[in-house]
C-alpha atoms as a PDB file:
ATOM      1  CA  MET A   1      -2.598 -40.518  -4.733  1.00  0.00           C
ATOM      2  CA  LYS A   2      -6.285 -40.681  -5.480  1.00  0.00           C
ATOM      3  CA  PRO A   3      -7.778 -40.206  -8.919  1.00  0.00           C
ATOM      4  CA  PHE A   4      -9.540 -36.994  -9.812  1.00  0.00           C
ATOM      5  CA  LEU A   5     -13.062 -38.047 -10.768  1.00  0.00           C
ATOM      6  CA  LEU A   6     -14.623 -34.862 -12.142  1.00  0.00           C
ATOM      7  CA  SER A   7     -14.301 -34.270 -15.862  1.00  0.00           C
ATOM      8  CA  LEU A   8     -11.575 -32.009 -17.256  1.00  0.00           C
ATOM      9  CA  SER A   9     -10.920 -30.633 -20.693  1.00  0.00           C
ATOM     10  CA  ILE A  10      -7.573 -29.724 -22.193  1.00  0.00           C
ATOM     11  CA  ILE A  11      -8.578 -26.866 -24.412  1.00  0.00           C
ATOM     12  CA  ALA A  12      -7.313 -26.389 -27.936  1.00  0.00           C
ATOM     13  CA  ALA A  13      -9.743 -23.596 -28.773  1.00  0.00           C
ATOM     14  CA  SER A  14      -8.894 -20.172 -30.174  1.00  0.00           C
ATOM     15  CA  ALA A  15      -7.044 -17.762 -27.926  1.00  0.00           C
ATOM     16  CA  LEU A  16      -9.058 -15.801 -25.386  1.00  0.00           C
ATOM     17  CA  HIS A  17      -6.352 -13.157 -25.184  1.00  0.00           C
ATOM     18  CA  GLN A  18      -4.773 -11.728 -28.290  1.00  0.00           C
ATOM     19  CA  ALA A  19      -1.089 -12.575 -28.472  1.00  0.00           C
ATOM     20  CA  VAL A  20       1.221  -9.762 -29.467  1.00  0.00           C
ATOM     21  CA  ALA A  21       2.185 -10.645 -33.019  1.00  0.00           C
ATOM     22  CA  GLN A  22       4.625  -7.830 -33.689  1.00  0.00           C
ATOM     23  CA  SER A  23       8.334  -8.374 -34.205  1.00  0.00           C
ATOM     24  CA  PRO A  24      10.187  -7.018 -32.431  1.00  0.00           C
ATOM     25  CA  PHE A  25       7.884  -7.297 -29.449  1.00  0.00           C
ATOM     26  CA  PRO A  26       6.949  -4.100 -27.586  1.00  0.00           C
ATOM     27  CA  THR A  27       8.819  -3.444 -24.358  1.00  0.00           C
ATOM     28  CA  ILE A  28       8.094  -2.077 -20.903  1.00  0.00           C
ATOM     29  CA  GLY A  29      10.083  -0.991 -17.854  1.00  0.00           C
ATOM     30  CA  GLN A  30      13.825  -0.862 -17.454  1.00  0.00           C
ATOM     31  CA  ILE A  31      16.733  -2.856 -16.058  1.00  0.00           C
ATOM     32  CA  VAL A  32      18.506  -1.134 -13.163  1.00  0.00           C
ATOM     33  CA  ARG A  33      22.087  -2.253 -12.541  1.00  0.00           C
ATOM     34  CA  VAL A  34      23.305  -1.860  -8.951  1.00  0.00           C
ATOM     35  CA  ASP A  35      26.279  -4.234  -8.979  1.00  0.00           C
ATOM     36  CA  ALA A  36      28.651  -4.883 -11.883  1.00  0.00           C
ATOM     37  CA  LYS A  37      28.026  -8.614 -11.386  1.00  0.00           C
ATOM     38  CA  LEU A  38      24.639  -8.133 -13.036  1.00  0.00           C
ATOM     39  CA  ASP A  39      26.385  -7.338 -16.324  1.00  0.00           C
ATOM     40  CA  LYS A  40      27.514 -10.976 -16.448  1.00  0.00           C
ATOM     41  CA  LEU A  41      23.897 -12.108 -16.043  1.00  0.00           C
ATOM     42  CA  ILE A  42      21.940  -9.662 -18.211  1.00  0.00           C
ATOM     43  CA  PRO A  43      23.334  -8.159 -21.445  1.00  0.00           C
ATOM     44  CA  ALA A  44      23.598  -4.383 -21.729  1.00  0.00           C
ATOM     45  CA  ASP A  45      21.028  -4.299 -24.534  1.00  0.00           C
ATOM     46  CA  ALA A  46      18.472  -6.592 -22.837  1.00  0.00           C
ATOM     47  CA  LYS A  47      14.832  -5.496 -22.888  1.00  0.00           C
ATOM     48  CA  ILE A  48      11.665  -6.522 -21.068  1.00  0.00           C
ATOM     49  CA  GLU A  49       9.600  -7.796 -23.986  1.00  0.00           C
ATOM     50  CA  VAL A  50       5.805  -8.061 -23.754  1.00  0.00           C
ATOM     51  CA  LEU A  51       4.754 -11.329 -25.407  1.00  0.00           C
ATOM     52  CA  ALA A  52       1.026 -11.071 -24.650  1.00  0.00           C
ATOM     53  CA  SER A  53      -1.332  -9.009 -22.529  1.00  0.00           C
ATOM     54  CA  GLY A  54      -4.917  -8.694 -21.354  1.00  0.00           C
ATOM     55  CA  PHE A  55      -4.812 -11.191 -18.507  1.00  0.00           C
ATOM     56  CA  THR A  56      -6.497 -10.586 -15.169  1.00  0.00           C
ATOM     57  CA  TRP A  57      -3.585 -11.805 -13.003  1.00  0.00           C
ATOM     58  CA  SER A  58      -0.905 -13.914 -14.659  1.00  0.00           C
ATOM     59  CA  GLU A  59       1.042 -16.331 -12.456  1.00  0.00           C
ATOM     60  CA  GLY A  60       3.082 -19.508 -12.159  1.00  0.00           C
ATOM     61  CA  PRO A  61       5.001 -19.765 -15.475  1.00  0.00           C
ATOM     62  CA  VAL A  62       6.754 -23.042 -16.272  1.00  0.00           C
ATOM     63  CA  TRP A  63       8.682 -24.105 -19.377  1.00  0.00           C
ATOM     64  CA  VAL A  64       7.853 -27.536 -20.803  1.00  0.00           C
ATOM     65  CA  LYS A  65      11.128 -28.828 -22.247  1.00  0.00           C
ATOM     66  CA  ASN A  66       9.474 -31.821 -23.895  1.00  0.00           C
ATOM     67  CA  GLY A  67       7.450 -29.679 -26.240  1.00  0.00           C
ATOM     68  CA  ASN A  68       9.218 -26.309 -26.091  1.00  0.00           C
ATOM     69  CA  TYR A  69       6.329 -24.232 -24.808  1.00  0.00           C
ATOM     70  CA  LEU A  70       5.388 -22.159 -21.794  1.00  0.00           C
ATOM     71  CA  LEU A  71       2.418 -22.743 -19.496  1.00  0.00           C
ATOM     72  CA  PHE A  72       1.151 -20.182 -16.996  1.00  0.00           C
ATOM     73  CA  SER A  73      -1.914 -19.470 -14.869  1.00  0.00           C
ATOM     74  CA  ASP A  74      -4.480 -16.699 -15.002  1.00  0.00           C
ATOM     75  CA  VAL A  75      -5.669 -17.243 -11.441  1.00  0.00           C
ATOM     76  CA  PRO A  76      -8.939 -15.222 -11.418  1.00  0.00           C
ATOM     77  CA  GLU A  77      -9.943 -16.686 -14.793  1.00  0.00           C
ATOM     78  CA  ASN A  78      -9.418 -20.303 -13.618  1.00  0.00           C
ATOM     79  CA  THR A  79      -7.338 -21.004 -16.707  1.00  0.00           C
ATOM     80  CA  VAL A  80      -3.893 -22.251 -17.692  1.00  0.00           C
ATOM     81  CA  TYR A  81      -2.576 -20.777 -20.943  1.00  0.00           C
ATOM     82  CA  LYS A  82       0.009 -22.066 -23.396  1.00  0.00           C
ATOM     83  CA  TRP A  83       2.449 -19.800 -25.243  1.00  0.00           C
ATOM     84  CA  THR A  84       4.764 -20.521 -28.148  1.00  0.00           C
ATOM     85  CA  GLU A  85       6.756 -18.077 -30.248  1.00  0.00           C
ATOM     86  CA  LYS A  86       5.016 -19.323 -33.406  1.00  0.00           C
ATOM     87  CA  GLU A  87       1.398 -19.520 -32.262  1.00  0.00           C
ATOM     88  CA  GLY A  88       1.257 -17.047 -29.376  1.00  0.00           C
ATOM     89  CA  ILE A  89      -1.352 -17.617 -26.658  1.00  0.00           C
ATOM     90  CA  LYS A  90      -3.883 -20.439 -26.528  1.00  0.00           C
ATOM     91  CA  PRO A  91      -6.009 -21.616 -23.585  1.00  0.00           C
ATOM     92  CA  PHE A  92      -4.675 -24.962 -22.388  1.00  0.00           C
ATOM     93  CA  LEU A  93      -6.684 -26.030 -19.336  1.00  0.00           C
ATOM     94  CA  LYS A  94      -9.966 -24.774 -17.898  1.00  0.00           C
ATOM     95  CA  PRO A  95     -10.959 -25.167 -15.129  1.00  0.00           C
ATOM     96  CA  SER A  96      -7.449 -25.060 -13.745  1.00  0.00           C
ATOM     97  CA  GLY A  97      -8.113 -24.834 -10.015  1.00  0.00           C
ATOM     98  CA  TYR A  98     -11.806 -24.825  -9.093  1.00  0.00           C
ATOM     99  CA  THR A  99     -14.094 -27.494 -10.444  1.00  0.00           C
ATOM    100  CA  GLY A 100     -17.178 -26.705  -8.363  1.00  0.00           C
ATOM    101  CA  VAL A 101     -20.384 -25.007  -9.413  1.00  0.00           C
ATOM    102  CA  GLY A 102     -20.790 -21.227  -9.206  1.00  0.00           C
ATOM    103  CA  ASN A 103     -18.380 -18.647  -7.873  1.00  0.00           C
ATOM    104  CA  TYR A 104     -15.816 -19.579  -5.249  1.00  0.00           C
ATOM    105  CA  SER A 105     -13.424 -16.675  -4.701  1.00  0.00           C
ATOM    106  CA  GLN A 106     -11.643 -13.874  -6.516  1.00  0.00           C
ATOM    107  CA  GLU A 107      -8.734 -16.230  -7.266  1.00  0.00           C
ATOM    108  CA  PRO A 108     -10.189 -19.712  -7.872  1.00  0.00           C
ATOM    109  CA  GLY A 109      -7.743 -21.037 -10.456  1.00  0.00           C
ATOM    110  CA  SER A 110      -4.317 -22.629 -10.409  1.00  0.00           C
ATOM    111  CA  ASN A 111      -1.398 -20.535  -9.189  1.00  0.00           C
ATOM    112  CA  GLY A 112       2.143 -21.958  -9.126  1.00  0.00           C
ATOM    113  CA  LEU A 113       3.037 -24.646 -11.666  1.00  0.00           C
ATOM    114  CA  THR A 114       6.033 -26.902 -12.139  1.00  0.00           C
ATOM    115  CA  ILE A 115       7.036 -29.983 -14.118  1.00  0.00           C
ATOM    116  CA  ASP A 116       8.202 -33.029 -12.201  1.00  0.00           C
ATOM    117  CA  ALA A 117      10.683 -35.744 -13.167  1.00  0.00           C
ATOM    118  CA  GLN A 118       7.852 -37.770 -14.705  1.00  0.00           C
ATOM    119  CA  GLY A 119       6.979 -34.933 -17.050  1.00  0.00           C
ATOM    120  CA  ARG A 120       3.699 -34.159 -15.287  1.00  0.00           C
ATOM    121  CA  LEU A 121       2.242 -30.710 -14.758  1.00  0.00           C
ATOM    122  CA  ILE A 122       2.150 -30.139 -10.991  1.00  0.00           C
ATOM    123  CA  SER A 123      -0.387 -27.451 -10.056  1.00  0.00           C
ATOM    124  CA  CYS A 124      -1.237 -25.475  -6.944  1.00  0.00           C
ATOM    125  CA  GLU A 125      -5.025 -25.296  -7.139  1.00  0.00           C
ATOM    126  CA  HIS A 126      -6.649 -22.507  -5.140  1.00  0.00           C
ATOM    127  CA  GLY A 127     -10.276 -23.483  -5.561  1.00  0.00           C
ATOM    128  CA  ASP A 128      -9.916 -27.221  -5.022  1.00  0.00           C
ATOM    129  CA  ARG A 129      -7.319 -26.532  -2.303  1.00  0.00           C
ATOM    130  CA  ARG A 130      -4.840 -29.148  -3.416  1.00  0.00           C
ATOM    131  CA  ILE A 131      -1.681 -30.106  -5.269  1.00  0.00           C
ATOM    132  CA  SER A 132      -2.477 -32.028  -8.440  1.00  0.00           C
ATOM    133  CA  ALA A 133      -0.530 -33.890 -11.130  1.00  0.00           C
ATOM    134  CA  LEU A 134      -1.526 -34.045 -14.805  1.00  0.00           C
ATOM    135  CA  PRO A 135       0.438 -36.119 -17.344  1.00  0.00           C
ATOM    136  CA  LEU A 136       1.214 -33.980 -20.383  1.00  0.00           C
ATOM    137  CA  ASP A 137       1.677 -36.966 -22.665  1.00  0.00           C
ATOM    138  CA  GLY A 138      -2.018 -37.863 -22.554  1.00  0.00           C
ATOM    139  CA  SER A 139      -1.363 -41.039 -20.564  1.00  0.00           C
ATOM    140  CA  GLY A 140      -3.939 -40.298 -17.864  1.00  0.00           C
ATOM    141  CA  GLY A 141      -6.109 -37.795 -16.074  1.00  0.00           C
ATOM    142  CA  LYS A 142      -5.397 -35.417 -13.255  1.00  0.00           C
ATOM    143  CA  ARG A 143      -4.670 -36.888  -9.828  1.00  0.00           C
ATOM    144  CA  THR A 144      -4.539 -35.392  -6.365  1.00  0.00           C
ATOM    145  CA  LEU A 145      -1.138 -35.495  -4.679  1.00  0.00           C
ATOM    146  CA  ALA A 146      -2.220 -33.679  -1.494  1.00  0.00           C
ATOM    147  CA  ASP A 147      -5.343 -31.897  -0.293  1.00  0.00           C
ATOM    148  CA  HIS A 148      -5.151 -32.137   3.505  1.00  0.00           C
ATOM    149  CA  TYR A 149      -2.790 -32.413   6.447  1.00  0.00           C
ATOM    150  CA  ASN A 150      -3.768 -34.353   9.583  1.00  0.00           C
ATOM    151  CA  GLY A 151      -7.341 -34.453   8.313  1.00  0.00           C
ATOM    152  CA  LYS A 152      -7.524 -30.666   7.800  1.00  0.00           C
ATOM    153  CA  ARG A 153      -7.900 -29.048   4.388  1.00  0.00           C
ATOM    154  CA  PHE A 154      -5.192 -26.787   3.051  1.00  0.00           C
ATOM    155  CA  ASN A 155      -5.895 -23.071   2.662  1.00  0.00           C
ATOM    156  CA  SER A 156      -4.981 -22.447  -0.984  1.00  0.00           C
ATOM    157  CA  PRO A 157      -1.688 -23.982  -2.155  1.00  0.00           C
ATOM    158  CA  ASN A 158       0.278 -21.207  -3.839  1.00  0.00           C
ATOM    159  CA  ASP A 159       3.616 -22.336  -5.237  1.00  0.00           C
ATOM    160  CA  VAL A 160       5.414 -25.659  -5.577  1.00  0.00           C
ATOM    161  CA  VAL A 161       8.827 -27.029  -6.485  1.00  0.00           C
ATOM    162  CA  ALA A 162       9.721 -30.627  -7.365  1.00  0.00           C
ATOM    163  CA  HIS A 163      12.886 -32.029  -5.807  1.00  0.00           C
ATOM    164  CA  PRO A 164      14.998 -34.455  -7.885  1.00  0.00           C
ATOM    165  CA  ASN A 165      14.496 -37.121  -5.202  1.00  0.00           C
ATOM    166  CA  GLY A 166      10.755 -37.283  -5.991  1.00  0.00           C
ATOM    167  CA  SER A 167       9.423 -35.090  -3.195  1.00  0.00           C
ATOM    168  CA  TYR A 168       7.580 -31.761  -3.516  1.00  0.00           C
ATOM    169  CA  TYR A 169       7.647 -28.636  -1.366  1.00  0.00           C
ATOM    170  CA  PHE A 170       4.736 -26.187  -1.486  1.00  0.00           C
ATOM    171  CA  THR A 171       3.376 -23.137   0.321  1.00  0.00           C
ATOM    172  CA  ASP A 172      -0.141 -22.640   1.675  1.00  0.00           C
ATOM    173  CA  PRO A 173      -1.153 -18.999   2.339  1.00  0.00           C
ATOM    174  CA  PRO A 174      -4.816 -17.818   2.351  1.00  0.00           C
ATOM    175  CA  TYR A 175      -4.951 -15.856  -0.899  1.00  0.00           C
ATOM    176  CA  GLY A 176      -7.306 -18.194  -2.767  1.00  0.00           C
ATOM    177  CA  LEU A 177      -9.881 -18.517   0.006  1.00  0.00           C
ATOM    178  CA  PRO A 178     -13.258 -16.780  -0.445  1.00  0.00           C
ATOM    179  CA  ASN A 179     -12.614 -14.382   2.444  1.00  0.00           C
ATOM    180  CA  ARG A 180      -8.836 -14.497   2.208  1.00  0.00           C
ATOM    181  CA  GLU A 181      -7.392 -12.883   5.332  1.00  0.00           C
ATOM    182  CA  LYS A 182     -10.594 -13.210   7.391  1.00  0.00           C
ATOM    183  CA  GLU A 183     -10.742 -16.995   7.379  1.00  0.00           C
ATOM    184  CA  VAL A 184      -9.091 -19.042  10.115  1.00  0.00           C
ATOM    185  CA  PRO A 185      -6.946 -21.787   8.545  1.00  0.00           C
ATOM    186  CA  GLU A 186      -8.219 -25.285   9.233  1.00  0.00           C
ATOM    187  CA  THR A 187      -4.639 -26.475   9.657  1.00  0.00           C
ATOM    188  CA  GLY A 188      -3.936 -23.674  12.128  1.00  0.00           C
ATOM    189  CA  VAL A 189      -0.960 -22.371  10.117  1.00  0.00           C
ATOM    190  CA  TYR A 190       0.104 -20.863   6.836  1.00  0.00           C
ATOM    191  CA  GLY A 191       2.690 -23.536   6.291  1.00  0.00           C
ATOM    192  CA  VAL A 192       5.314 -24.852   3.944  1.00  0.00           C
ATOM    193  CA  TYR A 193       4.719 -28.572   3.362  1.00  0.00           C
ATOM    194  CA  ARG A 194       6.578 -31.526   1.915  1.00  0.00           C
ATOM    195  CA  ILE A 195       5.085 -34.412  -0.020  1.00  0.00           C
ATOM    196  CA  ALA A 196       7.480 -37.351   0.308  1.00  0.00           C
ATOM    197  CA  PRO A 197       8.050 -39.763  -2.595  1.00  0.00           C
ATOM    198  CA  ASN A 198       5.765 -42.252  -0.827  1.00  0.00           C
ATOM    199  CA  GLY A 199       2.994 -39.643  -0.569  1.00  0.00           C
ATOM    200  CA  THR A 200       3.428 -38.829   3.125  1.00  0.00           C
ATOM    201  CA  ILE A 201       2.740 -35.151   3.887  1.00  0.00           C
ATOM    202  CA  SER A 202       4.692 -33.283   6.552  1.00  0.00           C
ATOM    203  CA  LEU A 203       4.820 -29.693   7.758  1.00  0.00           C
ATOM    204  CA  ALA A 204       8.282 -28.443   6.808  1.00  0.00           C
ATOM    205  CA  VAL A 205       8.089 -24.793   7.951  1.00  0.00           C
ATOM    206  CA  PRO A 206       5.398 -23.806  10.486  1.00  0.00           C
ATOM    207  CA  ASP A 207       6.384 -20.264  11.483  1.00  0.00           C
ATOM    208  CA  LEU A 208       6.036 -18.007   8.426  1.00  0.00           C
ATOM    209  CA  THR A 209       3.085 -15.608   8.221  1.00  0.00           C
ATOM    210  CA  ARG A 210       2.584 -15.582   4.432  1.00  0.00           C
ATOM    211  CA  PRO A 211       4.838 -18.111   2.676  1.00  0.00           C
ATOM    212  CA  ASN A 212       4.580 -17.715  -1.067  1.00  0.00           C
ATOM    213  CA  GLY A 213       7.251 -18.603  -3.642  1.00  0.00           C
ATOM    214  CA  VAL A 214       9.520 -21.654  -3.323  1.00  0.00           C
ATOM    215  CA  ALA A 215      12.683 -22.687  -5.154  1.00  0.00           C
ATOM    216  CA  LEU A 216      15.653 -25.003  -4.749  1.00  0.00           C
ATOM    217  CA  SER A 217      19.357 -24.316  -4.972  1.00  0.00           C
ATOM    218  CA  PRO A 218      21.025 -25.947  -8.003  1.00  0.00           C
ATOM    219  CA  ASP A 219      22.465 -28.739  -5.835  1.00  0.00           C
ATOM    220  CA  GLY A 220      19.066 -29.442  -4.248  1.00  0.00           C
ATOM    221  CA  LYS A 221      20.431 -28.905  -0.739  1.00  0.00           C
ATOM    222  CA  THR A 222      18.662 -25.624   0.054  1.00  0.00           C
ATOM    223  CA  LEU A 223      14.991 -24.664  -0.015  1.00  0.00           C
ATOM    224  CA  TYR A 224      14.279 -20.974  -0.585  1.00  0.00           C
ATOM    225  CA  VAL A 225      10.959 -19.504   0.533  1.00  0.00           C
ATOM    226  CA  ALA A 226       9.708 -16.011  -0.286  1.00  0.00           C
ATOM    227  CA  GLN A 227       7.251 -14.317   2.067  1.00  0.00           C
ATOM    228  CA  SER A 228       4.650 -11.897   0.721  1.00  0.00           C
ATOM    229  CA  ASP A 229       3.785 -10.334   4.097  1.00  0.00           C
ATOM    230  CA  TRP A 230       4.306  -6.567   3.663  1.00  0.00           C
ATOM    231  CA  GLN A 231       4.948  -6.276   7.410  1.00  0.00           C
ATOM    232  CA  ASN A 232       7.727  -8.859   7.264  1.00  0.00           C
ATOM    233  CA  PRO A 233       8.951  -9.425   3.689  1.00  0.00           C
ATOM    234  CA  VAL A 234      11.732 -12.013   3.695  1.00  0.00           C
ATOM    235  CA  ILE A 235      13.612 -14.461   1.524  1.00  0.00           C
ATOM    236  CA  MET A 236      14.538 -17.435   3.711  1.00  0.00           C
ATOM    237  CA  ALA A 237      16.939 -20.324   3.056  1.00  0.00           C
ATOM    238  CA  TYR A 238      16.460 -23.721   4.725  1.00  0.00           C
ATOM    239  CA  PRO A 239      18.960 -26.590   4.570  1.00  0.00           C
ATOM    240  CA  ILE A 240      17.340 -29.790   3.319  1.00  0.00           C
ATOM    241  CA  GLN A 241      18.234 -32.733   5.515  1.00  0.00           C
ATOM    242  CA  ALA A 242      18.879 -36.286   4.329  1.00  0.00           C
ATOM    243  CA  ASP A 243      15.332 -37.325   5.290  1.00  0.00           C
ATOM    244  CA  GLY A 244      13.771 -34.427   3.347  1.00  0.00           C
ATOM    245  CA  SER A 245      12.946 -32.306   6.377  1.00  0.00           C
ATOM    246  CA  VAL A 246      14.403 -28.813   6.601  1.00  0.00           C
ATOM    247  CA  GLY A 247      16.683 -27.317   9.196  1.00  0.00           C
ATOM    248  CA  LYS A 248      16.813 -23.886  10.779  1.00  0.00           C
ATOM    249  CA  GLY A 249      16.075 -21.068   8.359  1.00  0.00           C
ATOM    250  CA  GLN A 250      18.509 -18.289   7.506  1.00  0.00           C
ATOM    251  CA  LEU A 251      17.451 -14.810   6.407  1.00  0.00           C
ATOM    252  CA  ILE A 252      18.810 -14.030   2.934  1.00  0.00           C
ATOM    253  CA  PHE A 253      17.041 -10.745   2.193  1.00  0.00           C
ATOM    254  CA  GLY A 254      14.427  -8.766   4.115  1.00  0.00           C
ATOM    255  CA  ALA A 255      12.774  -5.473   4.967  1.00  0.00           C
ATOM    256  CA  GLU A 256      15.998  -3.688   5.860  1.00  0.00           C
ATOM    257  CA  ASN A 257      17.530  -4.661   2.530  1.00  0.00           C
ATOM    258  CA  LEU A 258      14.470  -3.345   0.702  1.00  0.00           C
ATOM    259  CA  LYS A 259      14.630  -0.106   2.660  1.00  0.00           C
ATOM    260  CA  LYS A 260      18.221   0.461   1.541  1.00  0.00           C
ATOM    261  CA  GLN A 261      17.007   0.288  -2.065  1.00  0.00           C
ATOM    262  CA  ASN A 262      13.990   2.505  -1.338  1.00  0.00           C
ATOM    263  CA  LEU A 263      11.625  -0.364  -2.120  1.00  0.00           C
ATOM    264  CA  LYS A 264       8.426  -1.315  -0.301  1.00  0.00           C
ATOM    265  CA  GLY A 265       6.328  -4.460  -0.561  1.00  0.00           C
ATOM    266  CA  GLY A 266       6.425  -8.219  -0.211  1.00  0.00           C
ATOM    267  CA  PHE A 267       7.948 -11.005  -2.274  1.00  0.00           C
ATOM    268  CA  ASP A 268       6.092 -13.501  -4.435  1.00  0.00           C
ATOM    269  CA  GLY A 269       7.664 -16.117  -6.717  1.00  0.00           C
ATOM    270  CA  LEU A 270      11.347 -16.896  -7.185  1.00  0.00           C
ATOM    271  CA  LYS A 271      13.788 -19.045  -9.133  1.00  0.00           C
ATOM    272  CA  THR A 272      17.525 -19.720  -8.953  1.00  0.00           C
ATOM    273  CA  ASP A 273      20.048 -19.980 -11.781  1.00  0.00           C
ATOM    274  CA  ARG A 274      22.787 -22.579 -12.155  1.00  0.00           C
ATOM    275  CA  ASP A 275      25.237 -20.350 -10.267  1.00  0.00           C
ATOM    276  CA  GLY A 276      22.896 -20.035  -7.293  1.00  0.00           C
ATOM    277  CA  ASN A 277      21.737 -16.462  -7.902  1.00  0.00           C
ATOM    278  CA  ILE A 278      18.175 -15.746  -6.795  1.00  0.00           C
ATOM    279  CA  TRP A 279      15.655 -14.098  -9.130  1.00  0.00           C
ATOM    280  CA  THR A 280      12.683 -13.080  -7.017  1.00  0.00           C
ATOM    281  CA  THR A 281       9.577 -11.094  -7.774  1.00  0.00           C
ATOM    282  CA  GLY A 282       9.216  -8.162  -5.422  1.00  0.00           C
ATOM    283  CA  PRO A 283       8.339  -4.467  -5.462  1.00  0.00           C
ATOM    284  CA  GLY A 284       7.904  -3.370  -9.073  1.00  0.00           C
ATOM    285  CA  GLY A 285       9.494  -6.328 -10.792  1.00  0.00           C
ATOM    286  CA  ILE A 286      12.295  -8.906 -10.378  1.00  0.00           C
ATOM    287  CA  LEU A 287      15.061  -8.436  -7.808  1.00  0.00           C
ATOM    288  CA  VAL A 288      18.298 -10.214  -8.721  1.00  0.00           C
ATOM    289  CA  LEU A 289      20.282 -11.391  -5.685  1.00  0.00           C
ATOM    290  CA  SER A 290      23.461 -13.349  -5.223  1.00  0.00           C
ATOM    291  CA  ALA A 291      23.216 -16.652  -3.356  1.00  0.00           C
ATOM    292  CA  THR A 292      24.266 -14.807  -0.197  1.00  0.00           C
ATOM    293  CA  GLY A 293      21.679 -12.055  -0.632  1.00  0.00           C
ATOM    294  CA  ASP A 294      23.679  -9.249  -2.254  1.00  0.00           C
ATOM    295  CA  PHE A 295      21.410  -6.995  -4.308  1.00  0.00           C
ATOM    296  CA  LEU A 296      22.676  -7.005  -7.889  1.00  0.00           C
ATOM    297  CA  GLY A 297      19.906  -5.226  -9.737  1.00  0.00           C
ATOM    298  CA  HIS A 298      16.262  -4.811 -10.580  1.00  0.00           C
ATOM    299  CA  ILE A 299      14.229  -5.830 -13.623  1.00  0.00           C
ATOM    300  CA  LYS A 300      11.614  -3.094 -13.228  1.00  0.00           C
ATOM    301  CA  THR A 301       8.420  -4.017 -15.020  1.00  0.00           C
ATOM    302  CA  GLY A 302       6.594  -1.100 -13.412  1.00  0.00           C
ATOM    303  CA  VAL A 303       3.649  -3.313 -12.429  1.00  0.00           C
ATOM    304  CA  ALA A 304       2.902  -5.889  -9.739  1.00  0.00           C
ATOM    305  CA  THR A 305       4.953  -8.928 -10.725  1.00  0.00           C
ATOM    306  CA  ALA A 306       3.968 -12.433  -9.668  1.00  0.00           C
ATOM    307  CA  ASN A 307       6.489 -15.036 -10.778  1.00  0.00           C
ATOM    308  CA  CYS A 308       9.181 -16.083 -13.242  1.00  0.00           C
ATOM    309  CA  ALA A 309      10.638 -19.185 -14.883  1.00  0.00           C
ATOM    310  CA  TRP A 310      13.577 -20.171 -17.053  1.00  0.00           C
ATOM    311  CA  GLY A 311      12.815 -21.323 -20.582  1.00  0.00           C
ATOM    312  CA  ASP A 312      14.094 -21.953 -24.111  1.00  0.00           C
ATOM    313  CA  ASP A 313      17.728 -23.058 -23.711  1.00  0.00           C
ATOM    314  CA  GLY A 314      17.660 -21.984 -20.059  1.00  0.00           C
ATOM    315  CA  THR A 315      18.770 -18.400 -20.625  1.00  0.00           C
ATOM    316  CA  THR A 316      15.364 -16.782 -21.193  1.00  0.00           C
ATOM    317  CA  LEU A 317      13.565 -15.521 -18.101  1.00  0.00           C
ATOM    318  CA  TYR A 318       9.790 -15.584 -18.582  1.00  0.00           C
ATOM    319  CA  ILE A 319       7.866 -13.251 -16.287  1.00  0.00           C
ATOM    320  CA  THR A 320       4.201 -13.070 -15.322  1.00  0.00           C
ATOM    321  CA  ALA A 321       3.458  -9.468 -14.367  1.00  0.00           C
ATOM    322  CA  ASP A 322      -0.119  -8.400 -13.689  1.00  0.00           C
ATOM    323  CA  MET A 323      -1.856  -8.366 -17.107  1.00  0.00           C
ATOM    324  CA  TYR A 324       1.341  -9.220 -19.012  1.00  0.00           C
ATOM    325  CA  LEU A 325       3.420 -12.163 -20.081  1.00  0.00           C
ATOM    326  CA  CYS A 326       6.992 -10.934 -20.555  1.00  0.00           C
ATOM    327  CA  ARG A 327      10.502 -12.202 -21.128  1.00  0.00           C
ATOM    328  CA  VAL A 328      14.095 -11.059 -20.740  1.00  0.00           C
ATOM    329  CA  LYS A 329      16.888 -12.732 -22.650  1.00  0.00           C
ATOM    330  CA  THR A 330      19.820 -13.168 -20.290  1.00  0.00           C
ATOM    331  CA  THR A 331      23.322 -14.596 -20.199  1.00  0.00           C
ATOM    332  CA  ALA A 332      22.497 -16.417 -16.980  1.00  0.00           C
ATOM    333  CA  ARG A 333      21.230 -19.970 -17.221  1.00  0.00           C
ATOM    334  CA  GLY A 334      18.496 -21.718 -15.323  1.00  0.00           C
ATOM    335  CA  TRP A 335      18.604 -25.391 -14.519  1.00  0.00           C
END
């Protein structure tokens, strides 16, 4: 790792977006139950609560257990926000992804976020085209974990997951580049990469067209990757080998499955619960799948939905959906 030399500020200023202060919170959308198994995961009276609104494109939520608060990205605004039930929304980190001068792209900020075993905020930074680590205990500044592969710069790291063994897996589509789809990737691929515990970077999955969200199975033996390509939307599962590499991918859910539900679009972020169910953002909200890809139901926000994360005691699903920060209180449990 190399230190990040440009100055940063962790912001404790007044909120830039007005938090919704009402109780109960207003709600949007609906929960569609396709399989009775969903009733064991989401209560019959569950609602999609809107906690705050007014964001340009909310993304990458992560719950900070050591502090009991939520962090999430507003990618176009180059900002990470903090939310608590008591205080609502406050800006937490700006810049979050692009530290240069002037405009860079339509989505310059951080995207996917996670917390690693050391308690650091791990960020996918579009503008600076890297994976970074920031201690949340104030013990140091931001450091770069990865910003190139074989001497070539990444496109715009999108989502990341930390494995218990100390490695990280992240995706690298073109969405944060100035010309997005028109630019030829320096690396030659839109890949899924692994950062080993010793810092070595390897290409884990080379053959996806638009890899986006990543998640692990509860036992850490499977890597799930969501693809946002509308022409080939898929949720893939890859066995993680003893050396950290991944084996042959298996299709869990794809275009034909979406067609059966009369849904169109790609996938974005995803998480798993302790029972291995997959909660993935897709057309119009969150699709809830069994570990084998059975469609259980749909948390329909009614807007483009980017990502989700487990929080509180592990049963609350926080959702970043377009201009909204939302939550659904479930009877499932994250891990």
